[in-house]
Full PDB file with SEQRES, HELIX, SHEET, SSBOND, CRYST1, ORIGX, SCALE, CONECT and MASTER records, all heavy atoms in Angstrom:
SEQRES   1 A   32  GLY ALA LEU LYS ALA THR ASP ALA ASP SER LEU SER ILE          
SEQRES   2 A   32  TYR VAL ARG ASN VAL LYS LEU ALA LEU LEU GLY LYS ALA          
SEQRES   3 A   32  GLN ARG ILE ILE LYS GLU                                      
HELIX    1 AA1 ALA A    2  THR A    6  1                                   5    
HELIX    2 AA2 ALA A    8  LYS A   25  1                                  18    
CRYST1    1.000    1.000    1.000  90.00  90.00  90.00 P 1           1          
ORIGX1      1.000000  0.000000  0.000000        0.00000                         
ORIGX2      0.000000  1.000000  0.000000        0.00000                         
ORIGX3      0.000000  0.000000  1.000000        0.00000                         
SCALE1      1.000000  0.000000  0.000000        0.00000                         
SCALE2      0.000000  1.000000  0.000000        0.00000                         
SCALE3      0.000000  0.000000  1.000000        0.00000                         
ATOM      1  N   GLY A   1      -3.911 -13.118  -1.385  1.00  0.00           N  
ATOM      2  CA  GLY A   1      -4.875 -14.076  -0.548  1.00  0.00           C  
ATOM      3  C   GLY A   1      -4.053 -14.882   0.374  1.00  0.00           C  
ATOM      4  O   GLY A   1      -4.443 -15.032   1.550  1.00  0.00           O  
ATOM      5  N   ALA A   2      -2.944 -15.457  -0.048  1.00  0.00           N  
ATOM      6  CA  ALA A   2      -2.043 -16.281   0.804  1.00  0.00           C  
ATOM      7  C   ALA A   2      -1.365 -15.379   1.876  1.00  0.00           C  
ATOM      8  O   ALA A   2      -1.297 -15.823   3.008  1.00  0.00           O  
ATOM      9  CB  ALA A   2      -0.956 -16.992  -0.153  1.00  0.00           C  
ATOM     10  N   LEU A   3      -1.071 -14.058   1.598  1.00  0.00           N  
ATOM     11  CA  LEU A   3      -0.503 -13.249   2.512  1.00  0.00           C  
ATOM     12  C   LEU A   3      -1.450 -12.939   3.621  1.00  0.00           C  
ATOM     13  O   LEU A   3      -1.136 -12.843   4.767  1.00  0.00           O  
ATOM     14  CB  LEU A   3      -0.012 -11.941   1.841  1.00  0.00           C  
ATOM     15  CG  LEU A   3       0.771 -10.999   2.690  1.00  0.00           C  
ATOM     16  CD1 LEU A   3       2.031 -11.569   3.358  1.00  0.00           C  
ATOM     17  CD2 LEU A   3       1.176  -9.779   1.914  1.00  0.00           C  
ATOM     18  N   LYS A   4      -2.659 -12.651   3.245  1.00  0.00           N  
ATOM     19  CA  LYS A   4      -3.619 -12.218   4.292  1.00  0.00           C  
ATOM     20  C   LYS A   4      -4.064 -13.433   5.160  1.00  0.00           C  
ATOM     21  O   LYS A   4      -4.234 -13.274   6.282  1.00  0.00           O  
ATOM     22  CB  LYS A   4      -4.945 -11.873   3.493  1.00  0.00           C  
ATOM     23  CG  LYS A   4      -5.992 -11.491   4.477  1.00  0.00           C  
ATOM     24  CD  LYS A   4      -7.301 -10.951   3.726  1.00  0.00           C  
ATOM     25  CE  LYS A   4      -8.444 -10.588   4.662  1.00  0.00           C  
ATOM     26  NZ  LYS A   4      -9.656 -10.133   3.848  1.00  0.00           N  
ATOM     27  N   ALA A   5      -4.064 -14.605   4.507  1.00  0.00           N  
ATOM     28  CA  ALA A   5      -4.309 -15.839   5.441  1.00  0.00           C  
ATOM     29  C   ALA A   5      -3.152 -16.103   6.362  1.00  0.00           C  
ATOM     30  O   ALA A   5      -3.320 -16.549   7.438  1.00  0.00           O  
ATOM     31  CB  ALA A   5      -4.566 -17.004   4.409  1.00  0.00           C  
ATOM     32  N   THR A   6      -1.995 -15.666   5.978  1.00  0.00           N  
ATOM     33  CA  THR A   6      -0.793 -15.812   6.824  1.00  0.00           C  
ATOM     34  C   THR A   6      -0.791 -14.805   8.023  1.00  0.00           C  
ATOM     35  O   THR A   6      -0.632 -15.155   9.158  1.00  0.00           O  
ATOM     36  CB  THR A   6       0.493 -15.810   6.070  1.00  0.00           C  
ATOM     37  OG1 THR A   6       0.432 -16.770   5.053  1.00  0.00           O  
ATOM     38  CG2 THR A   6       1.672 -16.104   6.970  1.00  0.00           C  
ATOM     39  N   ASP A   7      -1.037 -13.568   7.662  1.00  0.00           N  
ATOM     40  CA  ASP A   7      -0.805 -12.419   8.606  1.00  0.00           C  
ATOM     41  C   ASP A   7      -1.675 -11.277   8.059  1.00  0.00           C  
ATOM     42  O   ASP A   7      -1.289 -10.656   7.068  1.00  0.00           O  
ATOM     43  CB  ASP A   7       0.678 -12.133   8.848  1.00  0.00           C  
ATOM     44  CG  ASP A   7       0.779 -11.122  10.047  1.00  0.00           C  
ATOM     45  OD1 ASP A   7      -0.279 -10.688  10.587  1.00  0.00           O  
ATOM     46  OD2 ASP A   7       1.852 -10.692  10.279  1.00  0.00           O  
ATOM     47  N   ALA A   8      -2.745 -10.790   8.845  1.00  0.00           N  
ATOM     48  CA  ALA A   8      -3.443  -9.721   8.292  1.00  0.00           C  
ATOM     49  C   ALA A   8      -2.684  -8.424   8.237  1.00  0.00           C  
ATOM     50  O   ALA A   8      -2.944  -7.570   7.408  1.00  0.00           O  
ATOM     51  CB  ALA A   8      -4.824  -9.634   9.071  1.00  0.00           C  
ATOM     52  N   ASP A   9      -1.872  -8.300   9.259  1.00  0.00           N  
ATOM     53  CA  ASP A   9      -1.023  -7.003   9.422  1.00  0.00           C  
ATOM     54  C   ASP A   9      -0.198  -6.882   8.183  1.00  0.00           C  
ATOM     55  O   ASP A   9       0.212  -5.744   7.737  1.00  0.00           O  
ATOM     56  CB  ASP A   9      -0.313  -7.034  10.715  1.00  0.00           C  
ATOM     57  CG  ASP A   9      -1.215  -6.856  11.905  1.00  0.00           C  
ATOM     58  OD1 ASP A   9      -2.318  -6.412  11.672  1.00  0.00           O  
ATOM     59  OD2 ASP A   9      -0.769  -7.324  13.093  1.00  0.00           O  
ATOM     60  N   SER A  10       0.476  -8.062   7.884  1.00  0.00           N  
ATOM     61  CA  SER A  10       1.369  -7.874   6.708  1.00  0.00           C  
ATOM     62  C   SER A  10       0.694  -7.424   5.332  1.00  0.00           C  
ATOM     63  O   SER A  10       1.283  -6.775   4.670  1.00  0.00           O  
ATOM     64  CB  SER A  10       1.904  -9.336   6.417  1.00  0.00           C  
ATOM     65  OG  SER A  10       2.591  -9.898   7.600  1.00  0.00           O  
ATOM     66  N   LEU A  11      -0.530  -7.680   5.208  1.00  0.00           N  
ATOM     67  CA  LEU A  11      -1.263  -7.287   4.058  1.00  0.00           C  
ATOM     68  C   LEU A  11      -1.498  -5.783   4.171  1.00  0.00           C  
ATOM     69  O   LEU A  11      -1.232  -5.093   3.075  1.00  0.00           O  
ATOM     70  CB  LEU A  11      -2.611  -7.998   3.987  1.00  0.00           C  
ATOM     71  CG  LEU A  11      -3.545  -7.541   2.829  1.00  0.00           C  
ATOM     72  CD1 LEU A  11      -2.878  -7.854   1.453  1.00  0.00           C  
ATOM     73  CD2 LEU A  11      -4.937  -8.135   2.924  1.00  0.00           C  
ATOM     74  N   SER A  12      -1.714  -5.259   5.235  1.00  0.00           N  
ATOM     75  CA  SER A  12      -1.801  -3.680   5.229  1.00  0.00           C  
ATOM     76  C   SER A  12      -0.566  -2.961   5.141  1.00  0.00           C  
ATOM     77  O   SER A  12      -0.474  -1.997   4.492  1.00  0.00           O  
ATOM     78  CB  SER A  12      -2.405  -3.336   6.735  1.00  0.00           C  
ATOM     79  OG  SER A  12      -1.459  -3.783   7.756  1.00  0.00           O  
ATOM     80  N   ILE A  13       0.535  -3.639   5.594  1.00  0.00           N  
ATOM     81  CA  ILE A  13       1.834  -3.077   5.333  1.00  0.00           C  
ATOM     82  C   ILE A  13       2.230  -3.099   3.833  1.00  0.00           C  
ATOM     83  O   ILE A  13       2.769  -2.193   3.278  1.00  0.00           O  
ATOM     84  CB  ILE A  13       2.980  -3.894   6.210  1.00  0.00           C  
ATOM     85  CG1 ILE A  13       2.652  -3.686   7.756  1.00  0.00           C  
ATOM     86  CG2 ILE A  13       4.426  -3.391   5.825  1.00  0.00           C  
ATOM     87  CD1 ILE A  13       3.554  -4.613   8.517  1.00  0.00           C  
ATOM     88  N   TYR A  14       1.818  -4.232   3.205  1.00  0.00           N  
ATOM     89  CA  TYR A  14       2.166  -4.349   1.779  1.00  0.00           C  
ATOM     90  C   TYR A  14       1.296  -3.286   0.982  1.00  0.00           C  
ATOM     91  O   TYR A  14       1.837  -2.626   0.100  1.00  0.00           O  
ATOM     92  CB  TYR A  14       1.619  -5.744   1.205  1.00  0.00           C  
ATOM     93  CG  TYR A  14       1.679  -5.928  -0.198  1.00  0.00           C  
ATOM     94  CD1 TYR A  14       2.994  -6.163  -0.873  1.00  0.00           C  
ATOM     95  CD2 TYR A  14       0.611  -5.795  -1.059  1.00  0.00           C  
ATOM     96  CE1 TYR A  14       3.097  -6.290  -2.217  1.00  0.00           C  
ATOM     97  CE2 TYR A  14       0.649  -5.968  -2.358  1.00  0.00           C  
ATOM     98  CZ  TYR A  14       1.902  -6.155  -3.030  1.00  0.00           C  
ATOM     99  OH  TYR A  14       1.976  -6.353  -4.355  1.00  0.00           O  
ATOM    100  N   VAL A  15       0.100  -3.012   1.417  1.00  0.00           N  
ATOM    101  CA  VAL A  15      -0.725  -2.041   0.752  1.00  0.00           C  
ATOM    102  C   VAL A  15      -0.098  -0.682   0.915  1.00  0.00           C  
ATOM    103  O   VAL A  15      -0.130   0.162  -0.030  1.00  0.00           O  
ATOM    104  CB  VAL A  15      -2.242  -2.139   1.159  1.00  0.00           C  
ATOM    105  CG1 VAL A  15      -2.972  -1.000   0.614  1.00  0.00           C  
ATOM    106  CG2 VAL A  15      -2.876  -3.379   0.839  1.00  0.00           C  
ATOM    107  N   ARG A  16       0.405  -0.438   2.147  1.00  0.00           N  
ATOM    108  CA  ARG A  16       0.903   0.907   2.482  1.00  0.00           C  
ATOM    109  C   ARG A  16       2.244   1.230   1.565  1.00  0.00           C  
ATOM    110  O   ARG A  16       2.459   2.173   0.983  1.00  0.00           O  
ATOM    111  CB  ARG A  16       1.294   0.938   3.895  1.00  0.00           C  
ATOM    112  CG  ARG A  16       1.903   2.318   4.310  1.00  0.00           C  
ATOM    113  CD  ARG A  16       2.567   2.289   5.634  1.00  0.00           C  
ATOM    114  NE  ARG A  16       3.672   1.520   5.621  1.00  0.00           N  
ATOM    115  CZ  ARG A  16       4.578   1.134   6.672  1.00  0.00           C  
ATOM    116  NH1 ARG A  16       4.285   1.653   7.822  1.00  0.00           N  
ATOM    117  NH2 ARG A  16       5.471   0.386   6.565  1.00  0.00           N  
ATOM    118  N   ASN A  17       3.020   0.065   1.352  1.00  0.00           N  
ATOM    119  CA  ASN A  17       4.211   0.111   0.585  1.00  0.00           C  
ATOM    120  C   ASN A  17       3.979   0.379  -0.910  1.00  0.00           C  
ATOM    121  O   ASN A  17       4.586   1.156  -1.640  1.00  0.00           O  
ATOM    122  CB  ASN A  17       5.158  -1.061   0.680  1.00  0.00           C  
ATOM    123  CG  ASN A  17       5.642  -1.278   2.144  1.00  0.00           C  
ATOM    124  OD1 ASN A  17       5.769  -0.220   2.884  1.00  0.00           O  
ATOM    125  ND2 ASN A  17       5.940  -2.457   2.444  1.00  0.00           N  
ATOM    126  N   VAL A  18       2.871  -0.224  -1.409  1.00  0.00           N  
ATOM    127  CA  VAL A  18       2.464  -0.005  -2.736  1.00  0.00           C  
ATOM    128  C   VAL A  18       1.924   1.389  -2.967  1.00  0.00           C  
ATOM    129  O   VAL A  18       2.299   2.107  -3.936  1.00  0.00           O  
ATOM    130  CB  VAL A  18       1.296  -1.005  -3.208  1.00  0.00           C  
ATOM    131  CG1 VAL A  18       0.754  -0.642  -4.447  1.00  0.00           C  
ATOM    132  CG2 VAL A  18       1.907  -2.397  -3.092  1.00  0.00           C  
ATOM    133  N   LYS A  19       1.207   2.040  -1.987  1.00  0.00           N  
ATOM    134  CA  LYS A  19       0.746   3.323  -1.996  1.00  0.00           C  
ATOM    135  C   LYS A  19       1.878   4.270  -2.012  1.00  0.00           C  
ATOM    136  O   LYS A  19       1.882   5.285  -2.833  1.00  0.00           O  
ATOM    137  CB  LYS A  19      -0.181   3.752  -0.973  1.00  0.00           C  
ATOM    138  CG  LYS A  19      -1.571   3.015  -0.994  1.00  0.00           C  
ATOM    139  CD  LYS A  19      -2.517   3.411   0.066  1.00  0.00           C  
ATOM    140  CE  LYS A  19      -3.801   2.781   0.034  1.00  0.00           C  
ATOM    141  NZ  LYS A  19      -4.744   3.256   1.147  1.00  0.00           N  
ATOM    142  N   LEU A  20       2.867   4.053  -1.204  1.00  0.00           N  
ATOM    143  CA  LEU A  20       4.069   4.917  -1.116  1.00  0.00           C  
ATOM    144  C   LEU A  20       4.791   4.918  -2.553  1.00  0.00           C  
ATOM    145  O   LEU A  20       5.365   6.037  -2.968  1.00  0.00           O  
ATOM    146  CB  LEU A  20       4.994   4.571   0.037  1.00  0.00           C  
ATOM    147  CG  LEU A  20       4.554   4.709   1.349  1.00  0.00           C  
ATOM    148  CD1 LEU A  20       5.547   4.199   2.349  1.00  0.00           C  
ATOM    149  CD2 LEU A  20       4.326   6.205   1.639  1.00  0.00           C  
ATOM    150  N   ALA A  21       4.903   3.731  -3.161  1.00  0.00           N  
ATOM    151  CA  ALA A  21       5.609   3.632  -4.408  1.00  0.00           C  
ATOM    152  C   ALA A  21       4.776   4.522  -5.519  1.00  0.00           C  
ATOM    153  O   ALA A  21       5.300   5.231  -6.338  1.00  0.00           O  
ATOM    154  CB  ALA A  21       5.749   2.174  -4.868  1.00  0.00           C  
ATOM    155  N   LEU A  22       3.498   4.400  -5.397  1.00  0.00           N  
ATOM    156  CA  LEU A  22       2.644   5.220  -6.340  1.00  0.00           C  
ATOM    157  C   LEU A  22       2.817   6.635  -6.100  1.00  0.00           C  
ATOM    158  O   LEU A  22       2.806   7.410  -7.048  1.00  0.00           O  
ATOM    159  CB  LEU A  22       1.183   4.701  -6.375  1.00  0.00           C  
ATOM    160  CG  LEU A  22       0.952   3.287  -6.861  1.00  0.00           C  
ATOM    161  CD1 LEU A  22      -0.630   2.878  -6.552  1.00  0.00           C  
ATOM    162  CD2 LEU A  22       1.233   3.145  -8.294  1.00  0.00           C  
ATOM    163  N   LEU A  23       2.652   7.074  -4.799  1.00  0.00           N  
ATOM    164  CA  LEU A  23       2.874   8.378  -4.445  1.00  0.00           C  
ATOM    165  C   LEU A  23       4.201   9.072  -4.914  1.00  0.00           C  
ATOM    166  O   LEU A  23       4.378  10.235  -5.221  1.00  0.00           O  
ATOM    167  CB  LEU A  23       2.632   8.636  -3.029  1.00  0.00           C  
ATOM    168  CG  LEU A  23       1.235   8.305  -2.427  1.00  0.00           C  
ATOM    169  CD1 LEU A  23       1.200   8.430  -0.933  1.00  0.00           C  
ATOM    170  CD2 LEU A  23       0.237   9.288  -3.132  1.00  0.00           C  
ATOM    171  N   GLY A  24       5.244   8.161  -4.815  1.00  0.00           N  
ATOM    172  CA  GLY A  24       6.516   8.625  -5.291  1.00  0.00           C  
ATOM    173  C   GLY A  24       6.661   8.865  -6.735  1.00  0.00           C  
ATOM    174  O   GLY A  24       7.391   9.747  -7.279  1.00  0.00           O  
ATOM    175  N   LYS A  25       5.758   8.326  -7.640  1.00  0.00           N  
ATOM    176  CA  LYS A  25       5.790   8.511  -9.011  1.00  0.00           C  
ATOM    177  C   LYS A  25       4.886   9.586  -9.451  1.00  0.00           C  
ATOM    178  O   LYS A  25       4.906  10.099 -10.520  1.00  0.00           O  
ATOM    179  CB  LYS A  25       5.447   7.217  -9.725  1.00  0.00           C  
ATOM    180  CG  LYS A  25       6.352   6.076  -9.497  1.00  0.00           C  
ATOM    181  CD  LYS A  25       5.928   4.838 -10.329  1.00  0.00           C  
ATOM    182  CE  LYS A  25       6.873   3.649  -9.989  1.00  0.00           C  
ATOM    183  NZ  LYS A  25       6.486   2.405 -10.668  1.00  0.00           N  
ATOM    184  N   ALA A  26       3.904   9.998  -8.452  1.00  0.00           N  
ATOM    185  CA  ALA A  26       2.878  11.012  -8.880  1.00  0.00           C  
ATOM    186  C   ALA A  26       3.471  12.359  -8.854  1.00  0.00           C  
ATOM    187  O   ALA A  26       4.309  12.601  -8.004  1.00  0.00           O  
ATOM    188  CB  ALA A  26       1.731  10.953  -7.882  1.00  0.00           C  
ATOM    189  N   GLN A  27       3.096  13.214  -9.764  1.00  0.00           N  
ATOM    190  CA  GLN A  27       3.482  14.665  -9.805  1.00  0.00           C  
ATOM    191  C   GLN A  27       2.574  15.487  -9.115  1.00  0.00           C  
ATOM    192  O   GLN A  27       2.920  16.652  -8.526  1.00  0.00           O  
ATOM    193  CB  GLN A  27       3.652  15.164 -11.215  1.00  0.00           C  
ATOM    194  CG  GLN A  27       4.645  14.396 -12.109  1.00  0.00           C  
ATOM    195  CD  GLN A  27       4.615  14.855 -13.561  1.00  0.00           C  
ATOM    196  OE1 GLN A  27       3.763  15.762 -13.958  1.00  0.00           O  
ATOM    197  NE2 GLN A  27       5.604  14.289 -14.393  1.00  0.00           N  
ATOM    198  N   ARG A  28       1.377  15.250  -8.823  1.00  0.00           N  
ATOM    199  CA  ARG A  28       0.377  15.999  -8.106  1.00  0.00           C  
ATOM    200  C   ARG A  28      -0.438  15.055  -7.283  1.00  0.00           C  
ATOM    201  O   ARG A  28      -0.974  14.093  -7.874  1.00  0.00           O  
ATOM    202  CB  ARG A  28      -0.307  16.889  -9.002  1.00  0.00           C  
ATOM    203  CG  ARG A  28      -1.488  17.679  -8.394  1.00  0.00           C  
ATOM    204  CD  ARG A  28      -2.227  18.599  -9.344  1.00  0.00           C  
ATOM    205  NE  ARG A  28      -1.329  19.469 -10.058  1.00  0.00           N  
ATOM    206  CZ  ARG A  28      -1.797  20.329 -11.045  1.00  0.00           C  
ATOM    207  NH1 ARG A  28      -3.054  20.310 -11.312  1.00  0.00           N  
ATOM    208  NH2 ARG A  28      -0.885  21.101 -11.607  1.00  0.00           N  
ATOM    209  N   ILE A  29      -0.723  15.415  -6.089  1.00  0.00           N  
ATOM    210  CA  ILE A  29      -1.528  14.620  -5.269  1.00  0.00           C  
ATOM    211  C   ILE A  29      -2.681  15.390  -4.770  1.00  0.00           C  
ATOM    212  O   ILE A  29      -2.552  16.534  -4.293  1.00  0.00           O  
ATOM    213  CB  ILE A  29      -0.803  14.074  -3.988  1.00  0.00           C  
ATOM    214  CG1 ILE A  29       0.340  13.246  -4.558  1.00  0.00           C  
ATOM    215  CG2 ILE A  29      -1.715  13.288  -3.133  1.00  0.00           C  
ATOM    216  CD1 ILE A  29       1.280  12.839  -3.382  1.00  0.00           C  
ATOM    217  N   ILE A  30      -3.944  14.956  -4.922  1.00  0.00           N  
ATOM    218  CA  ILE A  30      -5.102  15.593  -4.441  1.00  0.00           C  
ATOM    219  C   ILE A  30      -5.741  14.812  -3.311  1.00  0.00           C  
ATOM    220  O   ILE A  30      -6.146  13.586  -3.470  1.00  0.00           O  
ATOM    221  CB  ILE A  30      -6.151  15.754  -5.578  1.00  0.00           C  
ATOM    222  CG1 ILE A  30      -5.648  16.617  -6.686  1.00  0.00           C  
ATOM    223  CG2 ILE A  30      -7.532  16.391  -5.040  1.00  0.00           C  
ATOM    224  CD1 ILE A  30      -6.472  16.698  -7.934  1.00  0.00           C  
ATOM    225  N   LYS A  31      -5.906  15.339  -2.215  1.00  0.00           N  
ATOM    226  CA  LYS A  31      -6.241  14.583  -1.008  1.00  0.00           C  
ATOM    227  C   LYS A  31      -7.591  15.213  -0.502  1.00  0.00           C  
ATOM    228  O   LYS A  31      -7.751  16.379  -0.358  1.00  0.00           O  
ATOM    229  CB  LYS A  31      -5.205  14.751   0.055  1.00  0.00           C  
ATOM    230  CG  LYS A  31      -5.506  13.781   1.285  1.00  0.00           C  
ATOM    231  CD  LYS A  31      -4.453  13.894   2.332  1.00  0.00           C  
ATOM    232  CE  LYS A  31      -4.896  13.073   3.638  1.00  0.00           C  
ATOM    233  NZ  LYS A  31      -3.714  13.179   4.632  1.00  0.00           N  
ATOM    234  N   GLU A  32      -8.442  14.297  -0.255  1.00  0.00           N  
ATOM    235  CA  GLU A  32      -9.859  14.835   0.279  1.00  0.00           C  
ATOM    236  C   GLU A  32      -9.686  15.170   1.640  1.00  0.00           C  
ATOM    237  O   GLU A  32      -9.190  14.378   2.485  1.00  0.00           O  
ATOM    238  CB  GLU A  32     -10.767  13.592  -0.052  1.00  0.00           C  
ATOM    239  CG  GLU A  32     -12.298  13.985   0.322  1.00  0.00           C  
ATOM    240  CD  GLU A  32     -13.159  12.828   0.083  1.00  0.00           C  
ATOM    241  OE1 GLU A  32     -12.756  11.722  -0.265  1.00  0.00           O  
ATOM    242  OE2 GLU A  32     -14.364  12.986   0.502  1.00  0.00           O  
TER     243      GLU A  32                                                      
MASTER        0    0    0    2    0    0    0    6  242    1    0    3          
END                                                                             
């Protein structure tokens, strides 16, 4: 919440980095 209040773009970048970390740990990815 504090990050979004400071910079909305920074929040989207943080979410993307978290997704990349999760994708790096996944053995199989199913994409719609």
